Amino acid sequence: MKITEQVEVVQLYMRDPMASIARPKRELRGFTRVHIPAGDTHTVSFTLSPDQTALYRPRTGWVVEPGRIEFMIGASAEDIRSRTDIEITDGGRTGIPASAIATRITVE
């Protein structure tokens, strides 16, 4: 059987190792299904806003905390293939829950 196309689900996860409250080990922040012709490669880009790192505090609401955030790309939470870190230097309150913000995705 000749394989002419492969389907991958590319998933973006986030981890905040220094959060002031307990957070999940991996939080799904975006995903897309990519159809890749055999032998080809594609670049998948995710665009996030700082609000998508927000956490909820009962007394203050949604807050973006400064600090290091880890991002992971993989086919699943257990199949991570790439990692990178970013540093958030300015935190603050936000009125939008992180789960309600759409993640822009580009496939090239």
N, C-alpha and C. Protein backbone atom coordinates (compact mmCIF):
# COMPACT_ATOMS: atom_id res chain seq x y z
N MET A 1 0.84 -1.17 0.00
CA MET A 1 0.00 0.00 0.00
C MET A 1 0.89 1.24 0.00
N LYS A 2 0.60 2.15 -0.87
CA LYS A 2 1.37 3.39 -0.97
C LYS A 2 0.66 4.49 -0.16
N ILE A 3 1.41 5.13 0.73
CA ILE A 3 0.85 6.22 1.52
C ILE A 3 1.11 7.52 0.78
N THR A 4 0.05 8.24 0.44
CA THR A 4 0.20 9.48 -0.31
C THR A 4 0.02 10.71 0.57
N GLU A 5 -0.61 10.52 1.72
CA GLU A 5 -0.84 11.66 2.60
C GLU A 5 -0.92 11.18 4.05
N GLN A 6 -0.40 12.00 4.94
CA GLN A 6 -0.46 11.70 6.36
C GLN A 6 -1.21 12.83 7.05
N VAL A 7 -2.01 12.48 8.04
CA VAL A 7 -2.73 13.49 8.81
C VAL A 7 -2.10 13.57 10.20
N GLU A 8 -1.70 14.76 10.59
CA GLU A 8 -1.14 15.00 11.93
C GLU A 8 -2.02 16.00 12.65
N VAL A 9 -2.22 15.80 13.94
CA VAL A 9 -2.87 16.79 14.77
C VAL A 9 -1.76 17.42 15.60
N VAL A 10 -1.46 18.68 15.31
CA VAL A 10 -0.40 19.40 16.00
C VAL A 10 -1.04 20.13 17.18
N GLN A 11 -0.50 19.90 18.38
CA GLN A 11 -1.08 20.46 19.60
C GLN A 11 -0.07 21.34 20.32
N LEU A 12 -0.54 22.47 20.83
CA LEU A 12 0.29 23.41 21.59
C LEU A 12 -0.14 23.36 23.05
N TYR A 13 0.82 23.07 23.92
CA TYR A 13 0.57 23.02 25.37
C TYR A 13 1.40 24.10 26.07
N MET A 14 0.89 24.54 27.21
CA MET A 14 1.56 25.55 28.02
C MET A 14 1.73 25.00 29.45
N ARG A 15 2.80 25.42 30.09
CA ARG A 15 3.04 25.07 31.50
C ARG A 15 3.62 26.29 32.19
N ASP A 16 3.07 26.60 33.35
CA ASP A 16 3.57 27.71 34.17
C ASP A 16 4.16 27.12 35.45
N PRO A 17 5.47 26.84 35.46
CA PRO A 17 6.07 26.14 36.60
C PRO A 17 6.17 26.97 37.87
N MET A 18 6.03 28.29 37.77
CA MET A 18 6.18 29.16 38.95
C MET A 18 4.87 29.87 39.33
N ALA A 19 3.74 29.38 38.88
CA ALA A 19 2.45 30.03 39.16
C ALA A 19 2.21 30.11 40.66
N SER A 20 1.49 31.16 41.07
CA SER A 20 1.22 31.36 42.50
C SER A 20 0.15 30.39 43.02
N ILE A 21 -0.59 29.76 42.12
CA ILE A 21 -1.56 28.73 42.50
C ILE A 21 -1.29 27.50 41.65
N ALA A 22 -1.78 26.34 42.09
CA ALA A 22 -1.55 25.10 41.35
C ALA A 22 -2.21 25.17 39.98
N ARG A 23 -1.45 24.77 38.97
CA ARG A 23 -1.97 24.71 37.59
C ARG A 23 -1.67 23.34 37.02
N PRO A 24 -2.39 22.96 35.97
CA PRO A 24 -2.12 21.65 35.35
C PRO A 24 -0.69 21.56 34.81
N LYS A 25 -0.21 20.33 34.72
CA LYS A 25 1.14 20.08 34.18
C LYS A 25 1.23 20.55 32.73
N ARG A 26 0.16 20.35 31.97
CA ARG A 26 0.09 20.81 30.58
C ARG A 26 -1.31 21.34 30.32
N GLU A 27 -1.39 22.54 29.76
CA GLU A 27 -2.68 23.14 29.40
C GLU A 27 -2.72 23.29 27.88
N LEU A 28 -3.72 22.70 27.25
CA LEU A 28 -3.86 22.80 25.80
C LEU A 28 -4.23 24.23 25.44
N ARG A 29 -3.45 24.86 24.56
CA ARG A 29 -3.69 26.25 24.15
C ARG A 29 -4.04 26.38 22.68
N GLY A 30 -3.86 25.32 21.90
CA GLY A 30 -4.23 25.37 20.49
C GLY A 30 -3.94 24.04 19.83
N PHE A 31 -4.64 23.79 18.73
CA PHE A 31 -4.38 22.58 17.96
C PHE A 31 -4.91 22.77 16.55
N THR A 32 -4.38 21.99 15.62
CA THR A 32 -4.86 21.99 14.25
C THR A 32 -4.54 20.66 13.61
N ARG A 33 -5.39 20.27 12.69
CA ARG A 33 -5.18 19.04 11.90
C ARG A 33 -4.51 19.46 10.59
N VAL A 34 -3.42 18.79 10.26
CA VAL A 34 -2.64 19.13 9.07
C VAL A 34 -2.57 17.90 8.16
N HIS A 35 -2.93 18.09 6.89
CA HIS A 35 -2.80 17.04 5.87
C HIS A 35 -1.47 17.27 5.15
N ILE A 36 -0.57 16.31 5.25
CA ILE A 36 0.78 16.46 4.70
C ILE A 36 1.01 15.40 3.62
N PRO A 37 1.24 15.83 2.39
CA PRO A 37 1.58 14.85 1.34
C PRO A 37 2.86 14.09 1.72
N ALA A 38 2.92 12.83 1.34
CA ALA A 38 4.09 12.00 1.66
C ALA A 38 5.37 12.68 1.21
N GLY A 39 6.35 12.75 2.10
CA GLY A 39 7.65 13.33 1.79
C GLY A 39 7.73 14.83 2.01
N ASP A 40 6.62 15.50 2.27
CA ASP A 40 6.61 16.95 2.50
C ASP A 40 6.70 17.27 3.99
N THR A 41 7.01 18.50 4.27
CA THR A 41 6.95 19.02 5.63
C THR A 41 6.14 20.31 5.61
N HIS A 42 5.58 20.65 6.73
CA HIS A 42 4.82 21.89 6.88
C HIS A 42 5.30 22.59 8.14
N THR A 43 5.17 23.90 8.14
CA THR A 43 5.43 24.69 9.34
C THR A 43 4.09 25.13 9.91
N VAL A 44 3.87 24.88 11.18
CA VAL A 44 2.64 25.28 11.86
C VAL A 44 3.02 26.35 12.87
N SER A 45 2.32 27.50 12.81
CA SER A 45 2.58 28.61 13.72
C SER A 45 1.34 28.88 14.57
N PHE A 46 1.56 29.07 15.85
CA PHE A 46 0.50 29.45 16.78
C PHE A 46 0.79 30.86 17.27
N THR A 47 -0.23 31.71 17.30
CA THR A 47 -0.07 33.06 17.82
C THR A 47 -0.94 33.20 19.06
N LEU A 48 -0.29 33.48 20.19
CA LEU A 48 -0.98 33.61 21.46
C LEU A 48 -0.87 35.04 21.96
N SER A 49 -1.78 35.40 22.85
CA SER A 49 -1.68 36.68 23.54
C SER A 49 -1.27 36.40 24.99
N PRO A 50 -0.71 37.37 25.69
CA PRO A 50 -0.37 37.15 27.10
C PRO A 50 -1.57 36.73 27.93
N ASP A 51 -2.78 37.19 27.56
CA ASP A 51 -3.99 36.82 28.30
C ASP A 51 -4.21 35.31 28.32
N GLN A 52 -3.67 34.60 27.35
CA GLN A 52 -3.85 33.15 27.30
C GLN A 52 -3.00 32.41 28.32
N THR A 53 -2.19 33.14 29.07
CA THR A 53 -1.44 32.54 30.18
C THR A 53 -2.10 32.85 31.52
N ALA A 54 -3.21 33.57 31.49
CA ALA A 54 -3.87 34.03 32.72
C ALA A 54 -4.34 32.87 33.60
N LEU A 55 -4.39 33.15 34.89
CA LEU A 55 -4.96 32.22 35.85
C LEU A 55 -6.02 32.96 36.66
N TYR A 56 -6.90 32.20 37.28
CA TYR A 56 -8.00 32.82 38.02
C TYR A 56 -7.71 32.80 39.51
N ARG A 57 -7.79 33.96 40.11
CA ARG A 57 -7.67 34.10 41.57
C ARG A 57 -9.02 34.54 42.10
N PRO A 58 -9.56 33.87 43.10
CA PRO A 58 -10.91 34.19 43.59
C PRO A 58 -11.10 35.67 43.99
N ARG A 59 -10.12 36.30 44.56
CA ARG A 59 -10.29 37.69 45.02
C ARG A 59 -10.02 38.75 43.96
N THR A 60 -9.19 38.41 42.98
CA THR A 60 -8.81 39.42 41.99
C THR A 60 -9.27 39.11 40.57
N GLY A 61 -9.76 37.91 40.31
CA GLY A 61 -10.21 37.54 38.96
C GLY A 61 -9.06 37.01 38.12
N TRP A 62 -9.15 37.22 36.80
CA TRP A 62 -8.14 36.72 35.86
C TRP A 62 -6.89 37.60 35.91
N VAL A 63 -5.74 36.94 36.09
CA VAL A 63 -4.47 37.65 36.26
C VAL A 63 -3.39 36.99 35.39
N VAL A 64 -2.60 37.83 34.73
CA VAL A 64 -1.40 37.36 34.02
C VAL A 64 -0.23 37.63 34.96
N GLU A 65 0.47 36.56 35.34
CA GLU A 65 1.60 36.70 36.24
C GLU A 65 2.90 36.80 35.45
N PRO A 66 3.82 37.66 35.88
CA PRO A 66 5.13 37.68 35.24
C PRO A 66 5.90 36.39 35.57
N GLY A 67 6.80 36.02 34.69
CA GLY A 67 7.61 34.83 34.92
C GLY A 67 7.78 34.02 33.66
N ARG A 68 8.44 32.88 33.83
CA ARG A 68 8.75 31.99 32.70
C ARG A 68 7.57 31.07 32.41
N ILE A 69 7.24 30.95 31.13
CA ILE A 69 6.19 30.05 30.66
C ILE A 69 6.82 29.07 29.67
N GLU A 70 6.53 27.79 29.83
CA GLU A 70 7.02 26.77 28.90
C GLU A 70 5.93 26.47 27.88
N PHE A 71 6.33 26.35 26.61
CA PHE A 71 5.42 25.92 25.56
C PHE A 71 5.96 24.64 24.95
N MET A 72 5.04 23.72 24.66
CA MET A 72 5.39 22.42 24.11
C MET A 72 4.51 22.14 22.90
N ILE A 73 5.10 21.58 21.85
CA ILE A 73 4.38 21.18 20.64
C ILE A 73 4.48 19.67 20.52
N GLY A 74 3.38 19.03 20.18
CA GLY A 74 3.43 17.60 20.00
C GLY A 74 2.20 17.05 19.33
N ALA A 75 2.20 15.74 19.14
CA ALA A 75 1.05 15.05 18.56
C ALA A 75 0.03 14.72 19.65
N SER A 76 0.47 14.77 20.91
CA SER A 76 -0.40 14.55 22.08
C SER A 76 0.35 15.05 23.30
N ALA A 77 -0.31 15.06 24.43
CA ALA A 77 0.34 15.49 25.68
C ALA A 77 1.49 14.56 26.06
N GLU A 78 1.43 13.33 25.62
CA GLU A 78 2.47 12.35 25.92
C GLU A 78 3.51 12.22 24.80
N ASP A 79 3.31 12.93 23.71
CA ASP A 79 4.23 12.85 22.56
C ASP A 79 4.70 14.26 22.20
N ILE A 80 5.46 14.88 23.12
CA ILE A 80 5.97 16.24 22.93
C ILE A 80 7.23 16.17 22.07
N ARG A 81 7.27 16.99 21.01
CA ARG A 81 8.38 16.93 20.06
C ARG A 81 9.24 18.19 20.04
N SER A 82 8.74 19.27 20.64
CA SER A 82 9.51 20.51 20.65
C SER A 82 9.09 21.33 21.87
N ARG A 83 10.05 22.08 22.43
CA ARG A 83 9.80 22.92 23.61
C ARG A 83 10.49 24.26 23.45
N THR A 84 9.90 25.27 24.07
CA THR A 84 10.55 26.58 24.15
C THR A 84 9.99 27.30 25.37
N ASP A 85 10.71 28.30 25.83
CA ASP A 85 10.28 29.12 26.98
C ASP A 85 10.15 30.57 26.53
N ILE A 86 9.26 31.28 27.20
CA ILE A 86 9.20 32.74 27.06
C ILE A 86 9.18 33.34 28.45
N GLU A 87 9.50 34.60 28.54
CA GLU A 87 9.48 35.32 29.81
C GLU A 87 8.45 36.43 29.70
N ILE A 88 7.48 36.42 30.61
CA ILE A 88 6.50 37.51 30.70
C ILE A 88 7.05 38.49 31.73
N THR A 89 7.31 39.72 31.30
CA THR A 89 7.93 40.70 32.19
C THR A 89 6.89 41.58 32.90
N ASP A 90 5.75 41.80 32.28
CA ASP A 90 4.70 42.62 32.90
C ASP A 90 3.44 41.81 33.06
N GLY A 91 2.99 41.68 34.28
CA GLY A 91 1.74 40.98 34.54
C GLY A 91 0.63 42.00 34.75
N GLY A 92 -0.51 41.52 35.16
CA GLY A 92 -1.63 42.41 35.44
C GLY A 92 -2.95 41.71 35.30
N ARG A 93 -4.00 42.43 35.59
CA ARG A 93 -5.35 41.88 35.52
C ARG A 93 -5.85 41.88 34.08
N THR A 94 -6.70 40.93 33.79
CA THR A 94 -7.37 40.85 32.50
C THR A 94 -8.81 40.44 32.75
N GLY A 95 -9.71 40.89 31.91
CA GLY A 95 -11.11 40.57 32.10
C GLY A 95 -11.58 39.38 31.30
N ILE A 96 -10.67 38.79 30.52
CA ILE A 96 -11.05 37.71 29.62
C ILE A 96 -10.47 36.40 30.14
N PRO A 97 -11.30 35.37 30.33
CA PRO A 97 -10.75 34.08 30.74
C PRO A 97 -9.86 33.50 29.65
N ALA A 98 -8.75 32.94 30.04
CA ALA A 98 -7.77 32.41 29.08
C ALA A 98 -8.38 31.40 28.12
N SER A 99 -9.32 30.60 28.59
CA SER A 99 -9.91 29.58 27.74
C SER A 99 -10.84 30.14 26.67
N ALA A 100 -11.23 31.41 26.79
CA ALA A 100 -12.17 32.01 25.85
C ALA A 100 -11.49 32.76 24.72
N ILE A 101 -10.17 32.79 24.70
CA ILE A 101 -9.43 33.54 23.68
C ILE A 101 -8.99 32.60 22.57
N ALA A 102 -9.36 32.94 21.36
CA ALA A 102 -9.00 32.08 20.22
C ALA A 102 -7.49 32.16 19.94
N THR A 103 -6.91 31.02 19.60
CA THR A 103 -5.51 30.94 19.20
C THR A 103 -5.44 30.96 17.68
N ARG A 104 -4.72 31.94 17.13
CA ARG A 104 -4.55 31.97 15.68
C ARG A 104 -3.53 30.93 15.26
N ILE A 105 -3.84 30.23 14.16
CA ILE A 105 -2.98 29.15 13.68
C ILE A 105 -2.71 29.36 12.19
N THR A 106 -1.45 29.22 11.80
CA THR A 106 -1.05 29.32 10.40
C THR A 106 -0.31 28.06 10.00
N VAL A 107 -0.65 27.51 8.85
CA VAL A 107 0.05 26.33 8.33
C VAL A 107 0.65 26.70 6.99
N GLU A 108 1.96 26.49 6.85
CA GLU A 108 2.66 26.80 5.60
C GLU A 108 3.26 25.55 5.01
